[in-house]
């Protein structure tokens, strides 16, 4: 039987809360994010109206912040945390 991966050995991640105006579907948002993603290791977890939450590896967090905080983009990050519950609360999704 394979050993179970402990919490300490799992990859560290961060949850990013986004405001995404003018996105009509989850697929459309995933395509937009995929076009400028710094790596393939990200996942769109929640998409409700103009709010979204994505999971990224902690090693890519600075790259994502740089990309999402550009002044010419309508999409921007609102909050970041190591716990999805906190991001959901801060964005009013709970």
PDB file of N, CA and C in Angstrom:
ATOM      1  N   UNK A   1       0.842  -1.180   0.000  1.00  0.00           N
ATOM      2  CA  UNK A   1       0.000   0.000   0.000  1.00  0.00           C
ATOM      3  C   UNK A   1       0.890   1.247   0.000  1.00  0.00           C
ATOM      4  N   UNK A   2       0.558   2.191  -0.832  1.00  0.00           N
ATOM      5  CA  UNK A   2       1.342   3.421  -0.944  1.00  0.00           C
ATOM      6  C   UNK A   2       1.166   4.285   0.295  1.00  0.00           C
ATOM      7  N   UNK A   3       2.249   5.002   0.627  1.00  0.00           N
ATOM      8  CA  UNK A   3       2.165   5.910   1.771  1.00  0.00           C
ATOM      9  C   UNK A   3       1.272   7.083   1.437  1.00  0.00           C
ATOM     10  N   UNK A   4       0.564   7.525   2.435  1.00  0.00           N
ATOM     11  CA  UNK A   4      -0.330   8.665   2.260  1.00  0.00           C
ATOM     12  C   UNK A   4       0.461   9.965   2.302  1.00  0.00           C
ATOM     13  N   UNK A   5       0.143  10.880   1.409  1.00  0.00           N
ATOM     14  CA  UNK A   5       0.818  12.167   1.347  1.00  0.00           C
ATOM     15  C   UNK A   5       0.335  13.037   2.508  1.00  0.00           C
ATOM     16  N   UNK A   6       1.242  13.428   3.369  1.00  0.00           N
ATOM     17  CA  UNK A   6       0.852  14.235   4.526  1.00  0.00           C
ATOM     18  C   UNK A   6       0.673  15.698   4.125  1.00  0.00           C
ATOM     19  N   UNK A   7       0.027  16.430   4.993  1.00  0.00           N
ATOM     20  CA  UNK A   7      -0.241  17.840   4.711  1.00  0.00           C
ATOM     21  C   UNK A   7       1.045  18.630   4.486  1.00  0.00           C
ATOM     22  N   UNK A   8       2.079  18.316   5.252  1.00  0.00           N
ATOM     23  CA  UNK A   8       3.343  19.045   5.141  1.00  0.00           C
ATOM     24  C   UNK A   8       4.037  18.799   3.804  1.00  0.00           C
ATOM     25  N   UNK A   9       3.787  17.655   3.182  1.00  0.00           N
ATOM     26  CA  UNK A   9       4.446  17.315   1.920  1.00  0.00           C
ATOM     27  C   UNK A   9       3.683  17.772   0.685  1.00  0.00           C
ATOM     28  N   UNK A  10       2.410  18.143   0.859  1.00  0.00           N
ATOM     29  CA  UNK A  10       1.642  18.627  -0.287  1.00  0.00           C
ATOM     30  C   UNK A  10       2.148  19.990  -0.720  1.00  0.00           C
ATOM     31  N   UNK A  11       1.939  20.312  -1.973  1.00  0.00           N
ATOM     32  CA  UNK A  11       2.354  21.614  -2.486  1.00  0.00           C
ATOM     33  C   UNK A  11       1.576  22.743  -1.837  1.00  0.00           C
ATOM     34  N   UNK A  12       2.255  23.822  -1.536  1.00  0.00           N
ATOM     35  CA  UNK A  12       1.588  24.982  -0.943  1.00  0.00           C
ATOM     36  C   UNK A  12       0.846  25.735  -2.030  1.00  0.00           C
ATOM     37  N   UNK A  13      -0.305  26.297  -1.675  1.00  0.00           N
ATOM     38  CA  UNK A  13      -1.145  26.990  -2.648  1.00  0.00           C
ATOM     39  C   UNK A  13      -1.707  28.263  -2.038  1.00  0.00           C
ATOM     40  N   UNK A  14      -2.165  29.128  -2.904  1.00  0.00           N
ATOM     41  CA  UNK A  14      -2.861  30.340  -2.479  1.00  0.00           C
ATOM     42  C   UNK A  14      -4.124  30.460  -3.307  1.00  0.00           C
ATOM     43  N   UNK A  15      -5.138  31.065  -2.714  1.00  0.00           N
ATOM     44  CA  UNK A  15      -6.426  31.307  -3.360  1.00  0.00           C
ATOM     45  C   UNK A  15      -6.492  32.787  -3.670  1.00  0.00           C
ATOM     46  N   UNK A  16      -6.854  33.120  -4.898  1.00  0.00           N
ATOM     47  CA  UNK A  16      -6.930  34.510  -5.337  1.00  0.00           C
ATOM     48  C   UNK A  16      -8.378  34.826  -5.699  1.00  0.00           C
ATOM     49  N   UNK A  17      -8.929  35.857  -5.075  1.00  0.00           N
ATOM     50  CA  UNK A  17     -10.273  36.324  -5.391  1.00  0.00           C
ATOM     51  C   UNK A  17     -10.197  37.380  -6.476  1.00  0.00           C
ATOM     52  N   UNK A  18     -11.002  37.218  -7.524  1.00  0.00           N
ATOM     53  CA  UNK A  18     -10.957  38.105  -8.681  1.00  0.00           C
ATOM     54  C   UNK A  18     -12.292  38.789  -8.939  1.00  0.00           C
ATOM     55  N   UNK A  19     -12.235  39.984  -9.478  1.00  0.00           N
ATOM     56  CA  UNK A  19     -13.392  40.646 -10.071  1.00  0.00           C
ATOM     57  C   UNK A  19     -13.194  40.548 -11.576  1.00  0.00           C
ATOM     58  N   UNK A  20     -14.179  39.962 -12.264  1.00  0.00           N
ATOM     59  CA  UNK A  20     -14.042  39.692 -13.700  1.00  0.00           C
ATOM     60  C   UNK A  20     -15.252  40.215 -14.468  1.00  0.00           C
ATOM     61  N   UNK A  21     -15.323  41.527 -14.716  1.00  0.00           N
ATOM     62  CA  UNK A  21     -16.439  42.057 -15.491  1.00  0.00           C
ATOM     63  C   UNK A  21     -16.347  41.608 -16.952  1.00  0.00           C
ATOM     64  N   UNK A  22     -17.491  41.528 -17.595  1.00  0.00           N
ATOM     65  CA  UNK A  22     -17.577  41.200 -19.020  1.00  0.00           C
ATOM     66  C   UNK A  22     -17.192  39.760 -19.356  1.00  0.00           C
ATOM     67  N   UNK A  23     -17.258  38.842 -18.399  1.00  0.00           N
ATOM     68  CA  UNK A  23     -17.064  37.415 -18.677  1.00  0.00           C
ATOM     69  C   UNK A  23     -18.420  36.737 -18.533  1.00  0.00           C
ATOM     70  N   UNK A  24     -18.879  36.107 -19.617  1.00  0.00           N
ATOM     71  CA  UNK A  24     -20.211  35.521 -19.611  1.00  0.00           C
ATOM     72  C   UNK A  24     -20.254  34.063 -19.199  1.00  0.00           C
ATOM     73  N   UNK A  25     -19.119  33.384 -19.254  1.00  0.00           N
ATOM     74  CA  UNK A  25     -19.123  31.966 -18.905  1.00  0.00           C
ATOM     75  C   UNK A  25     -17.804  31.561 -18.272  1.00  0.00           C
ATOM     76  N   UNK A  26     -17.847  30.429 -17.595  1.00  0.00           N
ATOM     77  CA  UNK A  26     -16.663  29.873 -16.955  1.00  0.00           C
ATOM     78  C   UNK A  26     -15.596  29.538 -18.008  1.00  0.00           C
ATOM     79  N   UNK A  27     -16.017  28.964 -19.118  1.00  0.00           N
ATOM     80  CA  UNK A  27     -15.088  28.609 -20.182  1.00  0.00           C
ATOM     81  C   UNK A  27     -14.369  29.813 -20.755  1.00  0.00           C
ATOM     82  N   UNK A  28     -15.103  30.899 -20.927  1.00  0.00           N
ATOM     83  CA  UNK A  28     -14.510  32.135 -21.447  1.00  0.00           C
ATOM     84  C   UNK A  28     -13.434  32.662 -20.495  1.00  0.00           C
ATOM     85  N   UNK A  29     -13.739  32.650 -19.195  1.00  0.00           N
ATOM     86  CA  UNK A  29     -12.778  33.121 -18.200  1.00  0.00           C
ATOM     87  C   UNK A  29     -11.554  32.210 -18.157  1.00  0.00           C
ATOM     88  N   UNK A  30     -11.756  30.907 -18.225  1.00  0.00           N
ATOM     89  CA  UNK A  30     -10.624  29.973 -18.215  1.00  0.00           C
ATOM     90  C   UNK A  30      -9.712  30.210 -19.415  1.00  0.00           C
ATOM     91  N   UNK A  31     -10.296  30.507 -20.566  1.00  0.00           N
ATOM     92  CA  UNK A  31      -9.492  30.786 -21.758  1.00  0.00           C
ATOM     93  C   UNK A  31      -8.686  32.068 -21.581  1.00  0.00           C
ATOM     94  N   UNK A  32      -9.308  33.105 -21.052  1.00  0.00           N
ATOM     95  CA  UNK A  32      -8.616  34.375 -20.826  1.00  0.00           C
ATOM     96  C   UNK A  32      -7.453  34.183 -19.850  1.00  0.00           C
ATOM     97  N   UNK A  33      -7.718  33.494 -18.742  1.00  0.00           N
ATOM     98  CA  UNK A  33      -6.663  33.258 -17.752  1.00  0.00           C
ATOM     99  C   UNK A  33      -5.551  32.384 -18.333  1.00  0.00           C
ATOM    100  N   UNK A  34      -5.930  31.391 -19.108  1.00  0.00           N
ATOM    101  CA  UNK A  34      -4.946  30.496 -19.708  1.00  0.00           C
ATOM    102  C   UNK A  34      -4.027  31.185 -20.693  1.00  0.00           C
ATOM    103  N   UNK A  35      -4.526  32.227 -21.358  1.00  0.00           N
ATOM    104  CA  UNK A  35      -3.719  32.947 -22.346  1.00  0.00           C
ATOM    105  C   UNK A  35      -2.539  33.680 -21.725  1.00  0.00           C
ATOM    106  N   UNK A  36      -2.682  34.160 -20.480  1.00  0.00           N
ATOM    107  CA  UNK A  36      -1.569  34.885 -19.877  1.00  0.00           C
ATOM    108  C   UNK A  36      -1.054  34.253 -18.586  1.00  0.00           C
ATOM    109  N   UNK A  37      -1.406  32.997 -18.326  1.00  0.00           N
ATOM    110  CA  UNK A  37      -0.950  32.297 -17.128  1.00  0.00           C
ATOM    111  C   UNK A  37       0.560  32.086 -17.160  1.00  0.00           C
ATOM    112  N   UNK A  38       1.250  32.340 -16.042  1.00  0.00           N
ATOM    113  CA  UNK A  38       2.700  32.135 -16.004  1.00  0.00           C
ATOM    114  C   UNK A  38       3.095  30.658 -16.007  1.00  0.00           C
ATOM    115  N   UNK A  39       2.163  29.764 -15.668  1.00  0.00           N
ATOM    116  CA  UNK A  39       2.416  28.325 -15.707  1.00  0.00           C
ATOM    117  C   UNK A  39       1.086  27.606 -15.916  1.00  0.00           C
ATOM    118  N   UNK A  40       1.156  26.302 -16.105  1.00  0.00           N
ATOM    119  CA  UNK A  40      -0.064  25.516 -16.298  1.00  0.00           C
ATOM    120  C   UNK A  40      -0.690  25.065 -14.980  1.00  0.00           C
ATOM    121  N   UNK A  41      -0.064  25.385 -13.874  1.00  0.00           N
ATOM    122  CA  UNK A  41      -0.531  24.930 -12.574  1.00  0.00           C
ATOM    123  C   UNK A  41      -1.457  25.961 -11.930  1.00  0.00           C
ATOM    124  N   UNK A  42      -2.684  26.015 -12.374  1.00  0.00           N
ATOM    125  CA  UNK A  42      -3.696  26.877 -11.781  1.00  0.00           C
ATOM    126  C   UNK A  42      -5.057  26.249 -12.047  1.00  0.00           C
ATOM    127  N   UNK A  43      -6.038  26.644 -11.257  1.00  0.00           N
ATOM    128  CA  UNK A  43      -7.371  26.083 -11.435  1.00  0.00           C
ATOM    129  C   UNK A  43      -8.414  27.121 -11.040  1.00  0.00           C
ATOM    130  N   UNK A  44      -9.403  27.303 -11.893  1.00  0.00           N
ATOM    131  CA  UNK A  44     -10.537  28.164 -11.576  1.00  0.00           C
ATOM    132  C   UNK A  44     -11.498  27.334 -10.745  1.00  0.00           C
ATOM    133  N   UNK A  45     -11.738  27.759  -9.516  1.00  0.00           N
ATOM    134  CA  UNK A  45     -12.530  26.966  -8.581  1.00  0.00           C
ATOM    135  C   UNK A  45     -13.964  27.471  -8.487  1.00  0.00           C
ATOM    136  N   UNK A  46     -14.138  28.784  -8.426  1.00  0.00           N
ATOM    137  CA  UNK A  46     -15.465  29.373  -8.280  1.00  0.00           C
ATOM    138  C   UNK A  46     -15.645  30.442  -9.350  1.00  0.00           C
ATOM    139  N   UNK A  47     -16.826  30.460  -9.980  1.00  0.00           N
ATOM    140  CA  UNK A  47     -17.174  31.528 -10.916  1.00  0.00           C
ATOM    141  C   UNK A  47     -18.649  31.826 -10.718  1.00  0.00           C
ATOM    142  N   UNK A  48     -18.931  32.994 -10.129  1.00  0.00           N
ATOM    143  CA  UNK A  48     -20.312  33.417  -9.875  1.00  0.00           C
ATOM    144  C   UNK A  48     -20.463  34.881 -10.255  1.00  0.00           C
ATOM    145  N   UNK A  49     -21.199  35.139 -11.310  1.00  0.00           N
ATOM    146  CA  UNK A  49     -21.423  36.516 -11.753  1.00  0.00           C
ATOM    147  C   UNK A  49     -20.127  37.172 -12.172  1.00  0.00           C
ATOM    148  N   UNK A  50     -19.751  38.223 -11.473  1.00  0.00           N
ATOM    149  CA  UNK A  50     -18.504  38.926 -11.780  1.00  0.00           C
ATOM    150  C   UNK A  50     -17.398  38.586 -10.799  1.00  0.00           C
ATOM    151  N   UNK A  51     -17.587  37.536 -10.001  1.00  0.00           N
ATOM    152  CA  UNK A  51     -16.592  37.140  -9.005  1.00  0.00           C
ATOM    153  C   UNK A  51     -16.072  35.746  -9.321  1.00  0.00           C
ATOM    154  N   UNK A  52     -14.790  35.558  -9.056  1.00  0.00           N
ATOM    155  CA  UNK A  52     -14.172  34.261  -9.303  1.00  0.00           C
ATOM    156  C   UNK A  52     -13.076  34.023  -8.273  1.00  0.00           C
ATOM    157  N   UNK A  53     -12.788  32.748  -8.032  1.00  0.00           N
ATOM    158  CA  UNK A  53     -11.695  32.364  -7.146  1.00  0.00           C
ATOM    159  C   UNK A  53     -10.867  31.323  -7.879  1.00  0.00           C
ATOM    160  N   UNK A  54      -9.554  31.529  -7.860  1.00  0.00           N
ATOM    161  CA  UNK A  54      -8.667  30.563  -8.494  1.00  0.00           C
ATOM    162  C   UNK A  54      -7.604  30.101  -7.514  1.00  0.00           C
ATOM    163  N   UNK A  55      -7.113  28.882  -7.743  1.00  0.00           N
ATOM    164  CA  UNK A  55      -6.071  28.291  -6.911  1.00  0.00           C
ATOM    165  C   UNK A  55      -4.773  28.295  -7.709  1.00  0.00           C
ATOM    166  N   UNK A  56      -3.691  28.808  -7.100  1.00  0.00           N
ATOM    167  CA  UNK A  56      -2.388  28.850  -7.763  1.00  0.00           C
ATOM    168  C   UNK A  56      -1.320  28.348  -6.786  1.00  0.00           C
ATOM    169  N   UNK A  57      -0.230  27.786  -7.307  1.00  0.00           N
ATOM    170  CA  UNK A  57       0.881  27.407  -6.425  1.00  0.00           C
ATOM    171  C   UNK A  57       1.511  28.655  -5.824  1.00  0.00           C
ATOM    172  N   UNK A  58       1.968  28.537  -4.593  1.00  0.00           N
ATOM    173  CA  UNK A  58       2.543  29.700  -3.912  1.00  0.00           C
ATOM    174  C   UNK A  58       3.764  30.231  -4.655  1.00  0.00           C
ATOM    175  N   UNK A  59       4.466  29.366  -5.378  1.00  0.00           N
ATOM    176  CA  UNK A  59       5.654  29.809  -6.126  1.00  0.00           C
ATOM    177  C   UNK A  59       5.295  30.729  -7.290  1.00  0.00           C
ATOM    178  N   UNK A  60       4.059  30.651  -7.783  1.00  0.00           N
ATOM    179  CA  UNK A  60       3.613  31.488  -8.903  1.00  0.00           C
ATOM    180  C   UNK A  60       2.829  32.722  -8.456  1.00  0.00           C
ATOM    181  N   UNK A  61       2.635  32.898  -7.166  1.00  0.00           N
ATOM    182  CA  UNK A  61       1.773  33.972  -6.668  1.00  0.00           C
ATOM    183  C   UNK A  61       2.238  35.358  -7.103  1.00  0.00           C
ATOM    184  N   UNK A  62       3.524  35.642  -7.005  1.00  0.00           N
ATOM    185  CA  UNK A  62       4.017  36.970  -7.392  1.00  0.00           C
ATOM    186  C   UNK A  62       3.788  37.247  -8.878  1.00  0.00           C
ATOM    187  N   UNK A  63       3.980  36.223  -9.716  1.00  0.00           N
ATOM    188  CA  UNK A  63       3.733  36.396 -11.154  1.00  0.00           C
ATOM    189  C   UNK A  63       2.259  36.694 -11.417  1.00  0.00           C
ATOM    190  N   UNK A  64       1.366  35.963 -10.732  1.00  0.00           N
ATOM    191  CA  UNK A  64      -0.073  36.197 -10.903  1.00  0.00           C
ATOM    192  C   UNK A  64      -0.464  37.591 -10.440  1.00  0.00           C
ATOM    193  N   UNK A  65       0.098  38.038  -9.320  1.00  0.00           N
ATOM    194  CA  UNK A  65      -0.220  39.383  -8.828  1.00  0.00           C
ATOM    195  C   UNK A  65       0.192  40.450  -9.840  1.00  0.00           C
ATOM    196  N   UNK A  66       1.363  40.289 -10.415  1.00  0.00           N
ATOM    197  CA  UNK A  66       1.846  41.239 -11.418  1.00  0.00           C
ATOM    198  C   UNK A  66       0.901  41.284 -12.613  1.00  0.00           C
ATOM    199  N   UNK A  67       0.483  40.113 -13.077  1.00  0.00           N
ATOM    200  CA  UNK A  67      -0.404  40.029 -14.235  1.00  0.00           C
ATOM    201  C   UNK A  67      -1.775  40.634 -13.928  1.00  0.00           C
ATOM    202  N   UNK A  68      -2.333  40.312 -12.762  1.00  0.00           N
ATOM    203  CA  UNK A  68      -3.695  40.736 -12.434  1.00  0.00           C
ATOM    204  C   UNK A  68      -3.796  42.184 -11.977  1.00  0.00           C
ATOM    205  N   UNK A  69      -2.699  42.783 -11.580  1.00  0.00           N
ATOM    206  CA  UNK A  69      -2.746  44.160 -11.084  1.00  0.00           C
ATOM    207  C   UNK A  69      -2.348  45.191 -12.138  1.00  0.00           C
ATOM    208  N   UNK A  70      -2.360  44.801 -13.402  1.00  0.00           N
ATOM    209  CA  UNK A  70      -2.069  45.769 -14.469  1.00  0.00           C
ATOM    210  C   UNK A  70      -3.213  46.777 -14.555  1.00  0.00           C
ATOM    211  N   UNK A  71      -2.869  48.016 -14.797  1.00  0.00           N
ATOM    212  CA  UNK A  71      -3.884  49.070 -14.836  1.00  0.00           C
ATOM    213  C   UNK A  71      -4.733  49.018 -16.104  1.00  0.00           C
ATOM    214  N   UNK A  72      -4.245  48.386 -17.170  1.00  0.00           N
ATOM    215  CA  UNK A  72      -5.001  48.350 -18.421  1.00  0.00           C
ATOM    216  C   UNK A  72      -5.995  47.194 -18.485  1.00  0.00           C
ATOM    217  N   UNK A  73      -6.056  46.387 -17.455  1.00  0.00           N
ATOM    218  CA  UNK A  73      -6.950  45.230 -17.447  1.00  0.00           C
ATOM    219  C   UNK A  73      -8.190  45.503 -16.596  1.00  0.00           C
ATOM    220  N   UNK A  74      -9.345  45.067 -17.075  1.00  0.00           N
ATOM    221  CA  UNK A  74     -10.566  45.208 -16.279  1.00  0.00           C
ATOM    222  C   UNK A  74     -10.600  44.181 -15.155  1.00  0.00           C
ATOM    223  N   UNK A  75      -9.988  43.023 -15.382  1.00  0.00           N
ATOM    224  CA  UNK A  75      -9.930  41.967 -14.387  1.00  0.00           C
ATOM    225  C   UNK A  75      -8.848  42.310 -13.365  1.00  0.00           C
ATOM    226  N   UNK A  76      -9.152  42.154 -12.071  1.00  0.00           N
ATOM    227  CA  UNK A  76      -8.147  42.426 -11.049  1.00  0.00           C
ATOM    228  C   UNK A  76      -8.396  41.578  -9.809  1.00  0.00           C
ATOM    229  N   UNK A  77      -7.333  41.388  -9.042  1.00  0.00           N
ATOM    230  CA  UNK A  77      -7.454  40.602  -7.816  1.00  0.00           C
ATOM    231  C   UNK A  77      -7.945  41.505  -6.682  1.00  0.00           C
ATOM    232  N   UNK A  78      -8.754  40.906  -5.821  1.00  0.00           N
ATOM    233  CA  UNK A  78      -9.320  41.634  -4.693  1.00  0.00           C
ATOM    234  C   UNK A  78      -8.672  41.182  -3.398  1.00  0.00           C
ATOM    235  N   UNK A  79      -8.451  39.881  -3.268  1.00  0.00           N
ATOM    236  CA  UNK A  79      -7.909  39.327  -2.042  1.00  0.00           C
ATOM    237  C   UNK A  79      -7.145  38.052  -2.333  1.00  0.00           C
ATOM    238  N   UNK A  80      -6.250  37.710  -1.420  1.00  0.00           N
ATOM    239  CA  UNK A  80      -5.455  36.486  -1.522  1.00  0.00           C
ATOM    240  C   UNK A  80      -5.339  35.881  -0.127  1.00  0.00           C
ATOM    241  N   UNK A  81      -5.393  34.557  -0.059  1.00  0.00           N
ATOM    242  CA  UNK A  81      -5.246  33.895   1.227  1.00  0.00           C
ATOM    243  C   UNK A  81      -4.825  32.453   1.012  1.00  0.00           C
ATOM    244  N   UNK A  82      -4.355  31.831   2.073  1.00  0.00           N
ATOM    245  CA  UNK A  82      -4.032  30.416   2.052  1.00  0.00           C
ATOM    246  C   UNK A  82      -5.249  29.564   2.336  1.00  0.00           C
ATOM    247  N   UNK A  83      -6.373  30.204   2.659  1.00  0.00           N
ATOM    248  CA  UNK A  83      -7.610  29.474   2.973  1.00  0.00           C
ATOM    249  C   UNK A  83      -8.743  29.982   2.085  1.00  0.00           C
ATOM    250  N   UNK A  84      -9.372  29.057   1.380  1.00  0.00           N
ATOM    251  CA  UNK A  84     -10.449  29.436   0.467  1.00  0.00           C
ATOM    252  C   UNK A  84     -11.634  30.030   1.223  1.00  0.00           C
ATOM    253  N   UNK A  85     -11.880  29.555   2.419  1.00  0.00           N
ATOM    254  CA  UNK A  85     -12.994  30.074   3.214  1.00  0.00           C
ATOM    255  C   UNK A  85     -12.862  31.579   3.435  1.00  0.00           C
ATOM    256  N   UNK A  86     -11.637  32.037   3.725  1.00  0.00           N
ATOM    257  CA  UNK A  86     -11.423  33.468   3.951  1.00  0.00           C
ATOM    258  C   UNK A  86     -11.656  34.277   2.680  1.00  0.00           C
ATOM    259  N   UNK A  87     -11.234  33.753   1.544  1.00  0.00           N
ATOM    260  CA  UNK A  87     -11.444  34.456   0.275  1.00  0.00           C
ATOM    261  C   UNK A  87     -12.932  34.543  -0.026  1.00  0.00           C
ATOM    262  N   UNK A  88     -13.658  33.450   0.189  1.00  0.00           N
ATOM    263  CA  UNK A  88     -15.110  33.453  -0.042  1.00  0.00           C
ATOM    264  C   UNK A  88     -15.801  34.473   0.856  1.00  0.00           C
ATOM    265  N   UNK A  89     -15.408  34.534   2.125  1.00  0.00           N
ATOM    266  CA  UNK A  89     -16.009  35.499   3.051  1.00  0.00           C
ATOM    267  C   UNK A  89     -15.733  36.923   2.610  1.00  0.00           C
ATOM    268  N   UNK A  90     -14.493  37.212   2.255  1.00  0.00           N
ATOM    269  CA  UNK A  90     -14.099  38.570   1.867  1.00  0.00           C
ATOM    270  C   UNK A  90     -14.813  39.031   0.599  1.00  0.00           C
ATOM    271  N   UNK A  91     -15.143  38.087  -0.267  1.00  0.00           N
ATOM    272  CA  UNK A  91     -15.803  38.438  -1.529  1.00  0.00           C
ATOM    273  C   UNK A  91     -17.315  38.348  -1.436  1.00  0.00           C
ATOM    274  N   UNK A  92     -17.840  37.951  -0.289  1.00  0.00           N
ATOM    275  CA  UNK A  92     -19.284  37.859  -0.107  1.00  0.00           C
ATOM    276  C   UNK A  92     -19.904  36.666  -0.803  1.00  0.00           C
ATOM    277  N   UNK A  93     -19.167  35.584  -0.947  1.00  0.00           N
ATOM    278  CA  UNK A  93     -19.679  34.386  -1.613  1.00  0.00           C
ATOM    279  C   UNK A  93     -20.197  33.343  -0.630  1.00  0.00           C
ATOM    280  N   UNK A  94     -20.110  33.634   0.650  1.00  0.00           N
ATOM    281  CA  UNK A  94     -20.650  32.709   1.676  1.00  0.00           C
ATOM    282  C   UNK A  94     -21.867  33.347   2.301  1.00  0.00           C
TER     283      UNK A  94
END
